[in-house]
């Protein structure tokens, strides 16, 4: 991929897409094609066909997707499978027709079985039942993986699929209902600190262990793989290190400066006991993460505070009646 190559980043305003764009700009890739959802509806096959015919991108980062936390996945299962399948089908097929040199498809660690052996190797895909709470999203991502592999086999394309672990960073979703655990912690601790709330309630026991990767590290890994990886087999992207939700909560509490009490509602479910990716395949290629979790949380919190000055966030009342979901 040359500095003058025409590169399309699908989903450039999202958490992952914006990080990829920041990195490409920093590295001197200036010939970027960026379209907002209003400018290009990726679920509209005709519009996507017209876009690829007109723009003829050489490389594609497919980071556009409908994402959300456990509540959103449970309440809108049809949206999650329909919207993601539509976007993937349109972009991947039109990339083939437009003879794109290479496409990188962003998957998710939720594609793996709920009770997969730990750490999770790439070959564990399709070896057991999925986590029910986000099954429809996972099925859509699995379909995207197999679609890329099928096009490589039948048409000789170079479409690769990467599986990132839990992500966080600038442009994350901090919605009190639909966000994932880390941005939810950042927001709720901040609001609790500002309102002098005495306590915050968390779901479960805090014992499940999770792995967290800063989105800037993911962008760096994606660019590295776009330049150094040409296999159909999926590849994990993560840190190879995890910690308990309880430890993460205490860490976030300290960094944000909240002095109140944390109450664990053990009547609520914990979710999967552990989810850690095996990243030995990526390490052997020569890539490792750079952003320390403490530093990453600090930087994300600073970004969140800055964003409050220019973006209107929905107010959320902090109380023990509104627990933070940790699944």
C-alpha atoms as a PDB file:
ATOM      1  CA  UNK A   1       0.000   0.000   0.000  1.00  0.00           C
ATOM      2  CA  UNK A   2       1.624   3.227  -1.190  1.00  0.00           C
ATOM      3  CA  UNK A   3       1.215   6.677   0.346  1.00  0.00           C
ATOM      4  CA  UNK A   4      -0.607   7.706  -2.845  1.00  0.00           C
ATOM      5  CA  UNK A   5      -2.953   4.705  -2.864  1.00  0.00           C
ATOM      6  CA  UNK A   6      -6.676   5.452  -2.871  1.00  0.00           C
ATOM      7  CA  UNK A   7      -8.040   4.125   0.436  1.00  0.00           C
ATOM      8  CA  UNK A   8     -11.677   3.844   1.475  1.00  0.00           C
ATOM      9  CA  UNK A   9     -12.379   3.676   5.210  1.00  0.00           C
ATOM     10  CA  UNK A  10     -15.968   2.522   5.701  1.00  0.00           C
ATOM     11  CA  UNK A  11     -17.295   3.767   9.034  1.00  0.00           C
ATOM     12  CA  UNK A  12     -14.716   6.528   9.426  1.00  0.00           C
ATOM     13  CA  UNK A  13     -16.707   8.371  12.108  1.00  0.00           C
ATOM     14  CA  UNK A  14     -16.910   5.393  14.453  1.00  0.00           C
ATOM     15  CA  UNK A  15     -14.557   4.249  17.185  1.00  0.00           C
ATOM     16  CA  UNK A  16     -12.410   2.042  14.931  1.00  0.00           C
ATOM     17  CA  UNK A  17     -12.763   3.910  11.658  1.00  0.00           C
ATOM     18  CA  UNK A  18     -11.786   7.262  13.155  1.00  0.00           C
ATOM     19  CA  UNK A  19      -8.678   5.708  14.718  1.00  0.00           C
ATOM     20  CA  UNK A  20      -7.668   4.227  11.356  1.00  0.00           C
ATOM     21  CA  UNK A  21      -8.137   7.606   9.664  1.00  0.00           C
ATOM     22  CA  UNK A  22      -6.053   9.361  12.354  1.00  0.00           C
ATOM     23  CA  UNK A  23      -3.232   6.879  11.852  1.00  0.00           C
ATOM     24  CA  UNK A  24      -3.347   6.988   8.047  1.00  0.00           C
ATOM     25  CA  UNK A  25      -3.167  10.793   8.122  1.00  0.00           C
ATOM     26  CA  UNK A  26      -0.297  10.657  10.595  1.00  0.00           C
ATOM     27  CA  UNK A  27       1.589   8.197   8.375  1.00  0.00           C
ATOM     28  CA  UNK A  28       1.150  10.370   5.277  1.00  0.00           C
ATOM     29  CA  UNK A  29      -1.681   8.537   3.517  1.00  0.00           C
ATOM     30  CA  UNK A  30      -3.661  11.468   2.169  1.00  0.00           C
ATOM     31  CA  UNK A  31      -5.690   9.937  -0.666  1.00  0.00           C
ATOM     32  CA  UNK A  32      -8.562   8.847   1.578  1.00  0.00           C
ATOM     33  CA  UNK A  33     -12.182   8.358   0.555  1.00  0.00           C
ATOM     34  CA  UNK A  34     -14.520   9.121   3.463  1.00  0.00           C
ATOM     35  CA  UNK A  35     -18.314   9.129   3.295  1.00  0.00           C
ATOM     36  CA  UNK A  36     -20.769   9.764   6.112  1.00  0.00           C
ATOM     37  CA  UNK A  37     -23.869   7.592   6.486  1.00  0.00           C
ATOM     38  CA  UNK A  38     -25.919  10.455   5.054  1.00  0.00           C
ATOM     39  CA  UNK A  39     -23.649  10.645   2.018  1.00  0.00           C
ATOM     40  CA  UNK A  40     -23.554   6.882   1.457  1.00  0.00           C
ATOM     41  CA  UNK A  41     -25.998   4.384   2.935  1.00  0.00           C
ATOM     42  CA  UNK A  42     -24.017   1.138   2.930  1.00  0.00           C
ATOM     43  CA  UNK A  43     -27.236  -0.864   3.257  1.00  0.00           C
ATOM     44  CA  UNK A  44     -28.347   0.485  -0.132  1.00  0.00           C
ATOM     45  CA  UNK A  45     -26.918  -1.878  -2.718  1.00  0.00           C
ATOM     46  CA  UNK A  46     -27.479   0.491  -5.636  1.00  0.00           C
ATOM     47  CA  UNK A  47     -25.719   3.377  -3.883  1.00  0.00           C
ATOM     48  CA  UNK A  48     -22.764   1.183  -2.900  1.00  0.00           C
ATOM     49  CA  UNK A  49     -22.450  -0.081  -6.487  1.00  0.00           C
ATOM     50  CA  UNK A  50     -22.442   3.489  -7.801  1.00  0.00           C
ATOM     51  CA  UNK A  51     -19.882   4.525  -5.182  1.00  0.00           C
ATOM     52  CA  UNK A  52     -17.365   1.813  -6.087  1.00  0.00           C
ATOM     53  CA  UNK A  53     -17.803   2.426  -9.821  1.00  0.00           C
ATOM     54  CA  UNK A  54     -17.127   6.126  -9.357  1.00  0.00           C
ATOM     55  CA  UNK A  55     -14.397   6.132  -6.708  1.00  0.00           C
ATOM     56  CA  UNK A  56     -12.555   2.889  -7.587  1.00  0.00           C
ATOM     57  CA  UNK A  57     -10.673   2.583  -4.270  1.00  0.00           C
ATOM     58  CA  UNK A  58      -7.554   0.417  -4.245  1.00  0.00           C
ATOM     59  CA  UNK A  59      -7.771  -0.558  -0.573  1.00  0.00           C
ATOM     60  CA  UNK A  60     -10.716  -0.867   1.807  1.00  0.00           C
ATOM     61  CA  UNK A  61     -10.901  -0.904   5.600  1.00  0.00           C
ATOM     62  CA  UNK A  62     -14.381  -2.241   6.407  1.00  0.00           C
ATOM     63  CA  UNK A  63     -14.974  -0.806   9.875  1.00  0.00           C
ATOM     64  CA  UNK A  64     -18.652   0.105   9.395  1.00  0.00           C
ATOM     65  CA  UNK A  65     -20.986  -1.899  11.620  1.00  0.00           C
ATOM     66  CA  UNK A  66     -23.962  -1.647  13.937  1.00  0.00           C
ATOM     67  CA  UNK A  67     -22.555  -2.171  17.435  1.00  0.00           C
ATOM     68  CA  UNK A  68     -23.844  -1.906  20.978  1.00  0.00           C
ATOM     69  CA  UNK A  69     -23.820  -3.339  24.470  1.00  0.00           C
ATOM     70  CA  UNK A  70     -25.858  -6.180  25.924  1.00  0.00           C
ATOM     71  CA  UNK A  71     -29.102  -4.184  26.212  1.00  0.00           C
ATOM     72  CA  UNK A  72     -29.035  -3.070  22.586  1.00  0.00           C
ATOM     73  CA  UNK A  73     -28.175  -6.583  21.380  1.00  0.00           C
ATOM     74  CA  UNK A  74     -31.017  -8.114  23.371  1.00  0.00           C
ATOM     75  CA  UNK A  75     -33.604  -5.515  22.374  1.00  0.00           C
ATOM     76  CA  UNK A  76     -32.735  -5.242  18.669  1.00  0.00           C
ATOM     77  CA  UNK A  77     -31.520  -8.674  17.481  1.00  0.00           C
ATOM     78  CA  UNK A  78     -33.106  -8.295  14.046  1.00  0.00           C
ATOM     79  CA  UNK A  79     -31.393  -4.936  13.483  1.00  0.00           C
ATOM     80  CA  UNK A  80     -28.012  -6.324  14.459  1.00  0.00           C
ATOM     81  CA  UNK A  81     -28.116  -9.262  12.065  1.00  0.00           C
ATOM     82  CA  UNK A  82     -29.907  -7.492   9.197  1.00  0.00           C
ATOM     83  CA  UNK A  83     -27.936  -4.240   9.191  1.00  0.00           C
ATOM     84  CA  UNK A  84     -24.520  -5.859   9.540  1.00  0.00           C
ATOM     85  CA  UNK A  85     -25.198  -8.508   6.907  1.00  0.00           C
ATOM     86  CA  UNK A  86     -26.446  -5.834   4.501  1.00  0.00           C
ATOM     87  CA  UNK A  87     -23.386  -3.625   4.936  1.00  0.00           C
ATOM     88  CA  UNK A  88     -20.927  -6.528   4.666  1.00  0.00           C
ATOM     89  CA  UNK A  89     -22.599  -8.094   1.636  1.00  0.00           C
ATOM     90  CA  UNK A  90     -22.698  -4.823  -0.279  1.00  0.00           C
ATOM     91  CA  UNK A  91     -19.164  -3.632   0.480  1.00  0.00           C
ATOM     92  CA  UNK A  92     -17.402  -6.981   0.065  1.00  0.00           C
ATOM     93  CA  UNK A  93     -19.179  -7.828  -3.184  1.00  0.00           C
ATOM     94  CA  UNK A  94     -18.636  -4.402  -4.723  1.00  0.00           C
ATOM     95  CA  UNK A  95     -14.984  -4.447  -3.633  1.00  0.00           C
ATOM     96  CA  UNK A  96     -14.601  -7.657  -5.628  1.00  0.00           C
ATOM     97  CA  UNK A  97     -16.367  -6.195  -8.661  1.00  0.00           C
ATOM     98  CA  UNK A  98     -14.243  -3.039  -8.499  1.00  0.00           C
ATOM     99  CA  UNK A  99     -11.062  -5.177  -8.306  1.00  0.00           C
ATOM    100  CA  UNK A 100      -9.961  -3.708  -5.012  1.00  0.00           C
ATOM    101  CA  UNK A 101      -6.376  -4.788  -4.319  1.00  0.00           C
ATOM    102  CA  UNK A 102      -7.012  -5.604  -0.665  1.00  0.00           C
ATOM    103  CA  UNK A 103      -9.819  -5.403   1.877  1.00  0.00           C
ATOM    104  CA  UNK A 104      -9.591  -5.671   5.651  1.00  0.00           C
ATOM    105  CA  UNK A 105     -12.758  -6.849   7.385  1.00  0.00           C
ATOM    106  CA  UNK A 106     -13.193  -5.963  11.060  1.00  0.00           C
ATOM    107  CA  UNK A 107     -14.703  -8.875  12.962  1.00  0.00           C
ATOM    108  CA  UNK A 108     -15.089  -9.265  16.720  1.00  0.00           C
ATOM    109  CA  UNK A 109     -13.976 -11.582  19.501  1.00  0.00           C
ATOM    110  CA  UNK A 110     -17.660 -12.399  20.108  1.00  0.00           C
ATOM    111  CA  UNK A 111     -17.497 -14.775  17.120  1.00  0.00           C
ATOM    112  CA  UNK A 112     -15.937 -17.386  19.390  1.00  0.00           C
ATOM    113  CA  UNK A 113     -17.898 -19.902  21.482  1.00  0.00           C
ATOM    114  CA  UNK A 114     -19.062 -18.669  24.879  1.00  0.00           C
ATOM    115  CA  UNK A 115     -17.114 -21.361  26.701  1.00  0.00           C
ATOM    116  CA  UNK A 116     -14.090 -21.572  24.408  1.00  0.00           C
ATOM    117  CA  UNK A 117     -10.792 -22.710  25.996  1.00  0.00           C
ATOM    118  CA  UNK A 118      -8.644 -19.806  27.203  1.00  0.00           C
ATOM    119  CA  UNK A 119      -6.784 -18.054  25.711  1.00  0.00           C
ATOM    120  CA  UNK A 120      -8.870 -18.241  22.542  1.00  0.00           C
ATOM    121  CA  UNK A 121      -7.052 -19.426  19.424  1.00  0.00           C
ATOM    122  CA  UNK A 122      -8.253 -18.608  15.933  1.00  0.00           C
ATOM    123  CA  UNK A 123      -9.076 -22.259  15.261  1.00  0.00           C
ATOM    124  CA  UNK A 124     -11.717 -22.270  18.004  1.00  0.00           C
ATOM    125  CA  UNK A 125     -14.161 -20.549  15.647  1.00  0.00           C
ATOM    126  CA  UNK A 126     -17.357 -22.609  15.141  1.00  0.00           C
ATOM    127  CA  UNK A 127     -16.447 -25.187  17.797  1.00  0.00           C
ATOM    128  CA  UNK A 128     -19.298 -24.436  20.228  1.00  0.00           C
ATOM    129  CA  UNK A 129     -22.407 -22.353  21.016  1.00  0.00           C
ATOM    130  CA  UNK A 130     -22.168 -18.564  20.959  1.00  0.00           C
ATOM    131  CA  UNK A 131     -22.931 -16.178  23.814  1.00  0.00           C
ATOM    132  CA  UNK A 132     -26.749 -15.802  23.522  1.00  0.00           C
ATOM    133  CA  UNK A 133     -26.846 -12.087  24.380  1.00  0.00           C
ATOM    134  CA  UNK A 134     -24.985 -11.006  21.226  1.00  0.00           C
ATOM    135  CA  UNK A 135     -25.493 -14.061  19.016  1.00  0.00           C
ATOM    136  CA  UNK A 136     -27.072 -12.203  16.088  1.00  0.00           C
ATOM    137  CA  UNK A 137     -24.213  -9.701  15.884  1.00  0.00           C
ATOM    138  CA  UNK A 138     -21.708 -12.558  16.115  1.00  0.00           C
ATOM    139  CA  UNK A 139     -23.459 -14.552  13.378  1.00  0.00           C
ATOM    140  CA  UNK A 140     -23.308 -11.558  11.058  1.00  0.00           C
ATOM    141  CA  UNK A 141     -19.574 -11.197  11.689  1.00  0.00           C
ATOM    142  CA  UNK A 142     -19.007 -14.915  11.136  1.00  0.00           C
ATOM    143  CA  UNK A 143     -20.843 -14.623   7.814  1.00  0.00           C
ATOM    144  CA  UNK A 144     -18.524 -11.751   6.869  1.00  0.00           C
ATOM    145  CA  UNK A 145     -15.469 -13.894   7.606  1.00  0.00           C
ATOM    146  CA  UNK A 146     -16.713 -16.769   5.476  1.00  0.00           C
ATOM    147  CA  UNK A 147     -17.716 -14.368   2.722  1.00  0.00           C
ATOM    148  CA  UNK A 148     -14.175 -12.965   2.544  1.00  0.00           C
ATOM    149  CA  UNK A 149     -12.746 -16.485   2.482  1.00  0.00           C
ATOM    150  CA  UNK A 150     -15.189 -17.592  -0.209  1.00  0.00           C
ATOM    151  CA  UNK A 151     -14.325 -14.663  -2.470  1.00  0.00           C
ATOM    152  CA  UNK A 152     -10.616 -15.333  -1.982  1.00  0.00           C
ATOM    153  CA  UNK A 153     -11.104 -18.963  -2.992  1.00  0.00           C
ATOM    154  CA  UNK A 154     -13.443 -18.408  -5.928  1.00  0.00           C
ATOM    155  CA  UNK A 155     -12.213 -15.108  -7.311  1.00  0.00           C
ATOM    156  CA  UNK A 156      -8.624 -14.805  -6.065  1.00  0.00           C
ATOM    157  CA  UNK A 157      -9.272 -11.663  -4.031  1.00  0.00           C
ATOM    158  CA  UNK A 158      -7.096 -10.577  -1.118  1.00  0.00           C
ATOM    159  CA  UNK A 159      -9.663 -10.033   1.651  1.00  0.00           C
ATOM    160  CA  UNK A 160      -8.396 -10.504   5.207  1.00  0.00           C
ATOM    161  CA  UNK A 161     -10.370 -10.728   8.464  1.00  0.00           C
ATOM    162  CA  UNK A 162      -9.156  -9.515  11.856  1.00  0.00           C
ATOM    163  CA  UNK A 163     -10.708 -10.234  15.256  1.00  0.00           C
ATOM    164  CA  UNK A 164     -10.110  -7.486  17.837  1.00  0.00           C
ATOM    165  CA  UNK A 165     -10.683  -7.925  21.547  1.00  0.00           C
ATOM    166  CA  UNK A 166     -12.679  -5.446  23.685  1.00  0.00           C
ATOM    167  CA  UNK A 167     -11.898  -1.918  22.512  1.00  0.00           C
ATOM    168  CA  UNK A 168     -11.936   1.525  24.098  1.00  0.00           C
ATOM    169  CA  UNK A 169     -10.675   5.021  23.343  1.00  0.00           C
ATOM    170  CA  UNK A 170     -11.654   8.322  21.674  1.00  0.00           C
ATOM    171  CA  UNK A 171     -15.031   8.349  19.896  1.00  0.00           C
ATOM    172  CA  UNK A 172     -16.289   5.411  21.948  1.00  0.00           C
ATOM    173  CA  UNK A 173     -19.986   5.124  22.782  1.00  0.00           C
ATOM    174  CA  UNK A 174     -20.601   6.543  26.271  1.00  0.00           C
ATOM    175  CA  UNK A 175     -24.360   6.115  26.205  1.00  0.00           C
ATOM    176  CA  UNK A 176     -25.525   5.005  29.681  1.00  0.00           C
ATOM    177  CA  UNK A 177     -27.739   2.262  28.227  1.00  0.00           C
ATOM    178  CA  UNK A 178     -25.935   0.946  25.136  1.00  0.00           C
ATOM    179  CA  UNK A 179     -22.225   1.355  25.904  1.00  0.00           C
ATOM    180  CA  UNK A 180     -19.760  -1.366  26.835  1.00  0.00           C
ATOM    181  CA  UNK A 181     -18.307  -1.703  30.315  1.00  0.00           C
ATOM    182  CA  UNK A 182     -15.235   0.577  30.158  1.00  0.00           C
ATOM    183  CA  UNK A 183     -16.869   3.679  28.630  1.00  0.00           C
ATOM    184  CA  UNK A 184     -19.845   3.063  30.928  1.00  0.00           C
ATOM    185  CA  UNK A 185     -17.492   3.067  33.927  1.00  0.00           C
ATOM    186  CA  UNK A 186     -15.798   6.265  32.803  1.00  0.00           C
ATOM    187  CA  UNK A 187     -19.055   8.110  32.349  1.00  0.00           C
ATOM    188  CA  UNK A 188     -20.768   6.903  35.496  1.00  0.00           C
ATOM    189  CA  UNK A 189     -17.740   7.497  37.745  1.00  0.00           C
ATOM    190  CA  UNK A 190     -17.365  10.986  36.303  1.00  0.00           C
ATOM    191  CA  UNK A 191     -21.026  11.811  36.836  1.00  0.00           C
ATOM    192  CA  UNK A 192     -20.963  10.290  40.320  1.00  0.00           C
ATOM    193  CA  UNK A 193     -17.922  12.396  41.185  1.00  0.00           C
ATOM    194  CA  UNK A 194     -19.553  15.549  39.852  1.00  0.00           C
ATOM    195  CA  UNK A 195     -22.789  14.913  41.758  1.00  0.00           C
ATOM    196  CA  UNK A 196     -21.090  13.654  44.945  1.00  0.00           C
ATOM    197  CA  UNK A 197     -23.011  10.379  44.713  1.00  0.00           C
ATOM    198  CA  UNK A 198     -22.291   8.073  47.644  1.00  0.00           C
ATOM    199  CA  UNK A 199     -22.300   4.808  45.708  1.00  0.00           C
ATOM    200  CA  UNK A 200     -22.449   3.107  42.319  1.00  0.00           C
ATOM    201  CA  UNK A 201     -23.951  -0.331  41.705  1.00  0.00           C
ATOM    202  CA  UNK A 202     -22.274  -2.884  39.432  1.00  0.00           C
ATOM    203  CA  UNK A 203     -23.800  -6.034  37.999  1.00  0.00           C
ATOM    204  CA  UNK A 204     -22.580  -9.435  39.210  1.00  0.00           C
ATOM    205  CA  UNK A 205     -19.574 -10.318  41.339  1.00  0.00           C
ATOM    206  CA  UNK A 206     -16.819  -8.628  39.372  1.00  0.00           C
ATOM    207  CA  UNK A 207     -15.001 -11.933  38.928  1.00  0.00           C
ATOM    208  CA  UNK A 208     -15.196 -12.317  35.106  1.00  0.00           C
ATOM    209  CA  UNK A 209     -11.936 -11.464  33.340  1.00  0.00           C
ATOM    210  CA  UNK A 210     -11.678  -9.384  30.197  1.00  0.00           C
ATOM    211  CA  UNK A 211      -8.981  -8.073  27.871  1.00  0.00           C
ATOM    212  CA  UNK A 212      -8.933  -4.435  26.707  1.00  0.00           C
ATOM    213  CA  UNK A 213      -7.169  -2.900  23.712  1.00  0.00           C
ATOM    214  CA  UNK A 214      -6.856   0.812  23.004  1.00  0.00           C
ATOM    215  CA  UNK A 215      -8.351   1.638  19.612  1.00  0.00           C
ATOM    216  CA  UNK A 216      -5.144   3.392  18.499  1.00  0.00           C
ATOM    217  CA  UNK A 217      -3.332   0.085  18.954  1.00  0.00           C
ATOM    218  CA  UNK A 218      -6.007  -1.635  16.889  1.00  0.00           C
ATOM    219  CA  UNK A 219      -5.556   0.904  14.091  1.00  0.00           C
ATOM    220  CA  UNK A 220      -1.802   0.315  14.187  1.00  0.00           C
ATOM    221  CA  UNK A 221      -2.344  -3.450  13.986  1.00  0.00           C
ATOM    222  CA  UNK A 222      -4.770  -3.065  11.077  1.00  0.00           C
ATOM    223  CA  UNK A 223      -2.291  -0.992   9.070  1.00  0.00           C
ATOM    224  CA  UNK A 224       0.464  -3.496   9.920  1.00  0.00           C
ATOM    225  CA  UNK A 225      -1.670  -6.409   8.716  1.00  0.00           C
ATOM    226  CA  UNK A 226      -2.767  -4.573   5.601  1.00  0.00           C
ATOM    227  CA  UNK A 227       0.916  -4.356   4.739  1.00  0.00           C
ATOM    228  CA  UNK A 228       2.149  -7.713   6.041  1.00  0.00           C
ATOM    229  CA  UNK A 229      -0.665 -10.303   6.058  1.00  0.00           C
ATOM    230  CA  UNK A 230      -2.273 -11.973   3.045  1.00  0.00           C
ATOM    231  CA  UNK A 231      -3.897 -15.123   4.416  1.00  0.00           C
ATOM    232  CA  UNK A 232      -7.586 -16.052   4.384  1.00  0.00           C
ATOM    233  CA  UNK A 233      -7.343 -17.381   7.931  1.00  0.00           C
ATOM    234  CA  UNK A 234      -8.604 -15.017  10.615  1.00  0.00           C
ATOM    235  CA  UNK A 235      -6.142 -13.358  12.992  1.00  0.00           C
ATOM    236  CA  UNK A 236      -6.699 -12.116  16.544  1.00  0.00           C
ATOM    237  CA  UNK A 237      -5.742  -8.624  17.691  1.00  0.00           C
ATOM    238  CA  UNK A 238      -5.322  -7.986  21.400  1.00  0.00           C
ATOM    239  CA  UNK A 239      -2.877  -7.510  24.238  1.00  0.00           C
ATOM    240  CA  UNK A 240      -2.724 -11.090  25.478  1.00  0.00           C
ATOM    241  CA  UNK A 241      -3.356  -9.771  29.009  1.00  0.00           C
ATOM    242  CA  UNK A 242      -6.634  -9.656  30.934  1.00  0.00           C
ATOM    243  CA  UNK A 243      -7.931  -8.528  34.326  1.00  0.00           C
ATOM    244  CA  UNK A 244     -11.090  -8.994  36.384  1.00  0.00           C
ATOM    245  CA  UNK A 245     -14.016  -6.609  36.023  1.00  0.00           C
ATOM    246  CA  UNK A 246     -13.558  -5.827  39.709  1.00  0.00           C
ATOM    247  CA  UNK A 247      -9.922  -4.827  39.143  1.00  0.00           C
ATOM    248  CA  UNK A 248     -10.913  -2.777  36.116  1.00  0.00           C
ATOM    249  CA  UNK A 249     -13.576  -1.013  38.173  1.00  0.00           C
ATOM    250  CA  UNK A 250     -11.135  -0.140  40.937  1.00  0.00           C
ATOM    251  CA  UNK A 251      -8.619   1.064  38.375  1.00  0.00           C
ATOM    252  CA  UNK A 252     -11.157   3.319  36.643  1.00  0.00           C
ATOM    253  CA  UNK A 253     -12.421   4.614  39.996  1.00  0.00           C
ATOM    254  CA  UNK A 254      -8.897   5.640  41.015  1.00  0.00           C
ATOM    255  CA  UNK A 255      -8.020   7.256  37.686  1.00  0.00           C
ATOM    256  CA  UNK A 256     -11.255   9.252  37.562  1.00  0.00           C
ATOM    257  CA  UNK A 257     -11.043  10.220  41.210  1.00  0.00           C
ATOM    258  CA  UNK A 258     -14.363   8.930  42.485  1.00  0.00           C
ATOM    259  CA  UNK A 259     -14.357   8.460  46.266  1.00  0.00           C
ATOM    260  CA  UNK A 260     -17.730   6.793  46.766  1.00  0.00           C
ATOM    261  CA  UNK A 261     -18.630   3.163  47.384  1.00  0.00           C
ATOM    262  CA  UNK A 262     -18.963   0.389  44.803  1.00  0.00           C
ATOM    263  CA  UNK A 263     -21.832  -2.036  45.426  1.00  0.00           C
ATOM    264  CA  UNK A 264     -21.873  -5.383  43.606  1.00  0.00           C
ATOM    265  CA  UNK A 265     -25.365  -6.683  42.839  1.00  0.00           C
ATOM    266  CA  UNK A 266     -24.692 -10.419  42.917  1.00  0.00           C
ATOM    267  CA  UNK A 267     -28.269 -11.198  41.898  1.00  0.00           C
ATOM    268  CA  UNK A 268     -27.349 -10.059  38.372  1.00  0.00           C
ATOM    269  CA  UNK A 269     -25.505 -12.331  35.889  1.00  0.00           C
ATOM    270  CA  UNK A 270     -21.748 -12.252  35.428  1.00  0.00           C
ATOM    271  CA  UNK A 271     -21.674 -13.404  31.825  1.00  0.00           C
ATOM    272  CA  UNK A 272     -18.812 -15.388  30.304  1.00  0.00           C
ATOM    273  CA  UNK A 273     -16.213 -16.178  33.027  1.00  0.00           C
ATOM    274  CA  UNK A 274     -13.239 -15.239  30.871  1.00  0.00           C
ATOM    275  CA  UNK A 275     -12.517 -13.976  27.361  1.00  0.00           C
ATOM    276  CA  UNK A 276      -8.851 -13.632  26.453  1.00  0.00           C
ATOM    277  CA  UNK A 277      -7.512 -13.848  22.918  1.00  0.00           C
ATOM    278  CA  UNK A 278      -4.438 -15.845  21.974  1.00  0.00           C
ATOM    279  CA  UNK A 279      -2.365 -13.327  20.021  1.00  0.00           C
ATOM    280  CA  UNK A 280       0.679 -15.513  19.410  1.00  0.00           C
ATOM    281  CA  UNK A 281      -0.015 -15.550  15.658  1.00  0.00           C
ATOM    282  CA  UNK A 282       0.113 -11.746  15.535  1.00  0.00           C
ATOM    283  CA  UNK A 283       3.172 -11.591  17.786  1.00  0.00           C
ATOM    284  CA  UNK A 284       5.036 -13.975  15.476  1.00  0.00           C
ATOM    285  CA  UNK A 285       4.421 -11.558  12.614  1.00  0.00           C
ATOM    286  CA  UNK A 286       6.149  -8.844  14.650  1.00  0.00           C
ATOM    287  CA  UNK A 287       3.347  -6.706  16.109  1.00  0.00           C
ATOM    288  CA  UNK A 288       2.613  -6.002  19.788  1.00  0.00           C
ATOM    289  CA  UNK A 289       0.412  -3.421  21.498  1.00  0.00           C
ATOM    290  CA  UNK A 290       1.949  -0.212  22.867  1.00  0.00           C
ATOM    291  CA  UNK A 291      -0.717   1.551  24.955  1.00  0.00           C
ATOM    292  CA  UNK A 292      -0.697   0.650  28.658  1.00  0.00           C
ATOM    293  CA  UNK A 293      -4.203   0.200  30.106  1.00  0.00           C
ATOM    294  CA  UNK A 294      -3.762   2.849  32.819  1.00  0.00           C
ATOM    295  CA  UNK A 295      -2.479   5.388  30.304  1.00  0.00           C
ATOM    296  CA  UNK A 296      -5.219   4.431  27.866  1.00  0.00           C
ATOM    297  CA  UNK A 297      -7.969   4.978  30.444  1.00  0.00           C
ATOM    298  CA  UNK A 298      -6.453   8.336  31.427  1.00  0.00           C
ATOM    299  CA  UNK A 299      -6.330   9.505  27.809  1.00  0.00           C
ATOM    300  CA  UNK A 300      -9.861   8.278  27.146  1.00  0.00           C
ATOM    301  CA  UNK A 301     -11.147  10.065  30.239  1.00  0.00           C
ATOM    302  CA  UNK A 302      -9.484  13.295  29.129  1.00  0.00           C
ATOM    303  CA  UNK A 303     -11.085  12.914  25.698  1.00  0.00           C
ATOM    304  CA  UNK A 304     -14.465  12.299  27.339  1.00  0.00           C
ATOM    305  CA  UNK A 305     -14.188  15.432  29.487  1.00  0.00           C
ATOM    306  CA  UNK A 306     -13.187  17.493  26.461  1.00  0.00           C
ATOM    307  CA  UNK A 307     -16.105  16.103  24.482  1.00  0.00           C
ATOM    308  CA  UNK A 308     -18.550  17.241  27.164  1.00  0.00           C
ATOM    309  CA  UNK A 309     -17.681  20.824  26.268  1.00  0.00           C
ATOM    310  CA  UNK A 310     -18.860  20.435  22.669  1.00  0.00           C
ATOM    311  CA  UNK A 311     -21.173  17.417  22.560  1.00  0.00           C
ATOM    312  CA  UNK A 312     -24.486  16.987  24.373  1.00  0.00           C
ATOM    313  CA  UNK A 313     -24.580  13.680  26.210  1.00  0.00           C
ATOM    314  CA  UNK A 314     -27.820  12.280  27.621  1.00  0.00           C
ATOM    315  CA  UNK A 315     -27.957  12.885  31.350  1.00  0.00           C
ATOM    316  CA  UNK A 316     -27.986   9.708  33.403  1.00  0.00           C
ATOM    317  CA  UNK A 317     -28.994   9.659  37.051  1.00  0.00           C
ATOM    318  CA  UNK A 318     -26.372   7.844  39.093  1.00  0.00           C
ATOM    319  CA  UNK A 319     -27.928   5.623  41.732  1.00  0.00           C
ATOM    320  CA  UNK A 320     -27.881   2.070  42.946  1.00  0.00           C
ATOM    321  CA  UNK A 321     -31.107   1.567  41.010  1.00  0.00           C
ATOM    322  CA  UNK A 322     -29.167   1.961  37.774  1.00  0.00           C
ATOM    323  CA  UNK A 323     -26.411  -0.665  37.892  1.00  0.00           C
ATOM    324  CA  UNK A 324     -23.578  -0.767  35.397  1.00  0.00           C
ATOM    325  CA  UNK A 325     -23.797  -3.878  33.254  1.00  0.00           C
ATOM    326  CA  UNK A 326     -20.495  -5.745  33.017  1.00  0.00           C
ATOM    327  CA  UNK A 327     -21.300  -8.510  30.544  1.00  0.00           C
END
